[in-house]
C-alpha atoms as a PDB file:
ATOM      1  CA  UNK A   1      -0.134   0.163   0.048  1.00  0.00           C
ATOM      2  CA  UNK A   2       2.881   2.243   0.680  1.00  0.00           C
ATOM      3  CA  UNK A   3       4.526   1.828  -2.586  1.00  0.00           C
ATOM      4  CA  UNK A   4       1.686   2.183  -4.854  1.00  0.00           C
ATOM      5  CA  UNK A   5      -1.192   4.181  -3.129  1.00  0.00           C
ATOM      6  CA  UNK A   6       1.325   6.323  -0.617  1.00  0.00           C
ATOM      7  CA  UNK A   7      -0.156   5.560   2.721  1.00  0.00           C
ATOM      8  CA  UNK A   8       0.708   2.858   5.497  1.00  0.00           C
ATOM      9  CA  UNK A   9      -1.595   0.325   7.236  1.00  0.00           C
ATOM     10  CA  UNK A  10      -1.014  -1.259  10.143  1.00  0.00           C
ATOM     11  CA  UNK A  11      -2.670  -4.528  11.275  1.00  0.00           C
ATOM     12  CA  UNK A  12      -4.713  -4.408  14.540  1.00  0.00           C
ATOM     13  CA  UNK A  13      -6.468  -7.862  14.497  1.00  0.00           C
ATOM     14  CA  UNK A  14      -6.831 -10.864  12.321  1.00  0.00           C
ATOM     15  CA  UNK A  15      -9.248 -13.740  12.791  1.00  0.00           C
ATOM     16  CA  UNK A  16     -10.513 -16.384   9.999  1.00  0.00           C
ATOM     17  CA  UNK A  17     -14.362 -17.939   9.551  1.00  0.00           C
ATOM     18  CA  UNK A  18     -15.346 -21.100   8.318  1.00  0.00           C
ATOM     19  CA  UNK A  19     -18.836 -20.795   6.571  1.00  0.00           C
ATOM     20  CA  UNK A  20     -20.996 -23.641   5.467  1.00  0.00           C
ATOM     21  CA  UNK A  21     -23.165 -23.915   2.359  1.00  0.00           C
ATOM     22  CA  UNK A  22     -25.719 -21.461   2.165  1.00  0.00           C
ATOM     23  CA  UNK A  23     -24.491 -19.542   5.623  1.00  0.00           C
ATOM     24  CA  UNK A  24     -25.359 -15.936   5.374  1.00  0.00           C
ATOM     25  CA  UNK A  25     -23.869 -13.923   8.512  1.00  0.00           C
ATOM     26  CA  UNK A  26     -25.272 -11.027  10.400  1.00  0.00           C
ATOM     27  CA  UNK A  27     -24.421  -7.577   9.394  1.00  0.00           C
ATOM     28  CA  UNK A  28     -20.905  -7.014  10.548  1.00  0.00           C
ATOM     29  CA  UNK A  29     -19.589  -3.469  11.386  1.00  0.00           C
ATOM     30  CA  UNK A  30     -15.877  -3.654  12.399  1.00  0.00           C
ATOM     31  CA  UNK A  31     -15.450  -0.196  14.038  1.00  0.00           C
ATOM     32  CA  UNK A  32     -16.658   0.642  18.004  1.00  0.00           C
ATOM     33  CA  UNK A  33     -19.039   3.767  17.600  1.00  0.00           C
ATOM     34  CA  UNK A  34     -18.534   4.517  21.370  1.00  0.00           C
ATOM     35  CA  UNK A  35     -14.783   4.302  20.661  1.00  0.00           C
ATOM     36  CA  UNK A  36     -13.797   5.412  17.413  1.00  0.00           C
ATOM     37  CA  UNK A  37     -10.159   6.846  18.047  1.00  0.00           C
ATOM     38  CA  UNK A  38      -9.095   2.759  18.590  1.00  0.00           C
ATOM     39  CA  UNK A  39     -11.410   1.601  16.262  1.00  0.00           C
ATOM     40  CA  UNK A  40      -9.453   0.071  12.827  1.00  0.00           C
ATOM     41  CA  UNK A  41      -9.800   2.323   9.681  1.00  0.00           C
ATOM     42  CA  UNK A  42      -9.971  -0.397   6.961  1.00  0.00           C
ATOM     43  CA  UNK A  43     -11.281  -3.870   6.566  1.00  0.00           C
ATOM     44  CA  UNK A  44      -9.217  -6.794   4.483  1.00  0.00           C
ATOM     45  CA  UNK A  45     -10.916 -10.194   3.556  1.00  0.00           C
ATOM     46  CA  UNK A  46      -9.017 -12.645   1.861  1.00  0.00           C
ATOM     47  CA  UNK A  47     -10.624 -15.534   0.241  1.00  0.00           C
ATOM     48  CA  UNK A  48      -8.254 -18.567   1.906  1.00  0.00           C
ATOM     49  CA  UNK A  49     -10.215 -21.402   0.892  1.00  0.00           C
ATOM     50  CA  UNK A  50     -13.171 -20.329  -1.433  1.00  0.00           C
ATOM     51  CA  UNK A  51     -15.446 -22.633  -3.902  1.00  0.00           C
ATOM     52  CA  UNK A  52     -15.546 -20.278  -6.949  1.00  0.00           C
ATOM     53  CA  UNK A  53     -18.675 -18.490  -7.322  1.00  0.00           C
ATOM     54  CA  UNK A  54     -19.988 -19.338  -4.411  1.00  0.00           C
ATOM     55  CA  UNK A  55     -18.930 -16.357  -1.765  1.00  0.00           C
ATOM     56  CA  UNK A  56     -20.585 -12.860  -2.129  1.00  0.00           C
ATOM     57  CA  UNK A  57     -19.962  -9.930   0.577  1.00  0.00           C
ATOM     58  CA  UNK A  58     -22.543  -7.037   0.381  1.00  0.00           C
ATOM     59  CA  UNK A  59     -21.097  -3.755   1.619  1.00  0.00           C
ATOM     60  CA  UNK A  60     -23.812  -1.085   2.378  1.00  0.00           C
ATOM     61  CA  UNK A  61     -22.844   2.600   1.614  1.00  0.00           C
ATOM     62  CA  UNK A  62     -24.204   6.020   1.243  1.00  0.00           C
ATOM     63  CA  UNK A  63     -23.957   8.103  -1.914  1.00  0.00           C
ATOM     64  CA  UNK A  64     -24.516  11.870  -0.499  1.00  0.00           C
ATOM     65  CA  UNK A  65     -28.261  11.910  -0.224  1.00  0.00           C
ATOM     66  CA  UNK A  66     -28.945   8.473  -1.809  1.00  0.00           C
ATOM     67  CA  UNK A  67     -28.817   6.323   1.171  1.00  0.00           C
ATOM     68  CA  UNK A  68     -28.953   2.701   1.678  1.00  0.00           C
ATOM     69  CA  UNK A  69     -26.977   1.434  -1.510  1.00  0.00           C
ATOM     70  CA  UNK A  70     -25.463  -1.976  -1.548  1.00  0.00           C
ATOM     71  CA  UNK A  71     -22.259  -3.012  -3.766  1.00  0.00           C
ATOM     72  CA  UNK A  72     -22.126  -6.770  -3.974  1.00  0.00           C
ATOM     73  CA  UNK A  73     -18.729  -8.048  -4.751  1.00  0.00           C
ATOM     74  CA  UNK A  74     -17.511 -11.708  -5.396  1.00  0.00           C
ATOM     75  CA  UNK A  75     -15.049 -13.521  -3.661  1.00  0.00           C
ATOM     76  CA  UNK A  76     -12.959 -15.667  -4.769  1.00  0.00           C
ATOM     77  CA  UNK A  77      -9.836 -18.026  -3.799  1.00  0.00           C
ATOM     78  CA  UNK A  78      -6.587 -15.860  -3.324  1.00  0.00           C
ATOM     79  CA  UNK A  79      -8.644 -12.676  -3.550  1.00  0.00           C
ATOM     80  CA  UNK A  80      -8.851  -9.919  -1.499  1.00  0.00           C
ATOM     81  CA  UNK A  81     -11.063  -7.351  -0.839  1.00  0.00           C
ATOM     82  CA  UNK A  82     -10.361  -3.772   1.236  1.00  0.00           C
ATOM     83  CA  UNK A  83     -12.865  -1.104   2.314  1.00  0.00           C
ATOM     84  CA  UNK A  84     -13.465   1.160   5.192  1.00  0.00           C
ATOM     85  CA  UNK A  85     -14.367  -0.234   8.303  1.00  0.00           C
ATOM     86  CA  UNK A  86     -17.216   2.566   9.137  1.00  0.00           C
ATOM     87  CA  UNK A  87     -19.349   0.443   6.359  1.00  0.00           C
ATOM     88  CA  UNK A  88     -21.700  -2.389   7.293  1.00  0.00           C
ATOM     89  CA  UNK A  89     -21.480  -5.534   5.330  1.00  0.00           C
ATOM     90  CA  UNK A  90     -22.235  -9.357   5.434  1.00  0.00           C
ATOM     91  CA  UNK A  91     -20.822 -12.426   3.718  1.00  0.00           C
ATOM     92  CA  UNK A  92     -23.301 -14.831   1.521  1.00  0.00           C
ATOM     93  CA  UNK A  93     -22.280 -18.299   0.645  1.00  0.00           C
ATOM     94  CA  UNK A  94     -24.442 -19.648  -1.716  1.00  0.00           C
ATOM     95  CA  UNK A  95     -24.077 -23.539  -3.073  1.00  0.00           C
ATOM     96  CA  UNK A  96     -20.671 -24.416  -1.797  1.00  0.00           C
ATOM     97  CA  UNK A  97     -19.970 -27.867  -1.163  1.00  0.00           C
ATOM     98  CA  UNK A  98     -17.489 -27.692   0.782  1.00  0.00           C
ATOM     99  CA  UNK A  99     -16.914 -24.930   3.876  1.00  0.00           C
ATOM    100  CA  UNK A 100     -15.395 -21.326   2.454  1.00  0.00           C
ATOM    101  CA  UNK A 101     -12.325 -20.065   4.682  1.00  0.00           C
ATOM    102  CA  UNK A 102     -12.363 -16.307   4.705  1.00  0.00           C
ATOM    103  CA  UNK A 103      -9.397 -14.100   6.651  1.00  0.00           C
ATOM    104  CA  UNK A 104     -10.586 -11.047   7.898  1.00  0.00           C
ATOM    105  CA  UNK A 105      -7.524  -8.525   9.048  1.00  0.00           C
ATOM    106  CA  UNK A 106      -8.447  -4.681  10.407  1.00  0.00           C
ATOM    107  CA  UNK A 107      -5.964  -2.114   9.840  1.00  0.00           C
ATOM    108  CA  UNK A 108      -5.206   1.340  11.287  1.00  0.00           C
ATOM    109  CA  UNK A 109      -4.171   4.209   8.832  1.00  0.00           C
ATOM    110  CA  UNK A 110      -1.092   5.993   9.409  1.00  0.00           C
END
C-alpha cells in the first residue's frame, strides 16, 4: 500500500471464519461507535479457501443524498477486498459444497 498508493497500514486484528453451505452472516461492523479513536480504519477480507462462484460480499454505503446503496462483490480464492471499516457488510455463501474459509484483517491508517 505504501509503494502503490502512498499510505501505510498497521494490522490491528486478524481472524478467520469457516462458512457452511448457504450460510449468510449477520451484518458486521468492524468499528466501535463508542470508541472511534481506537477503531480500525480498513477491513481486509481474503478468500483463503473459497469454492468458485459461491461467496459474495455485500457492502452497504451512502452516496451523498442517496442512502442505503449496496455493492455486491464476488469473493474468490486468493482474492482480497479492502474497504473502510465504517461500512456495514455481510457475507453470503451460496451452494458451496465444502466450507469456505475467509481471513479478516483490520488495519489502522497512519
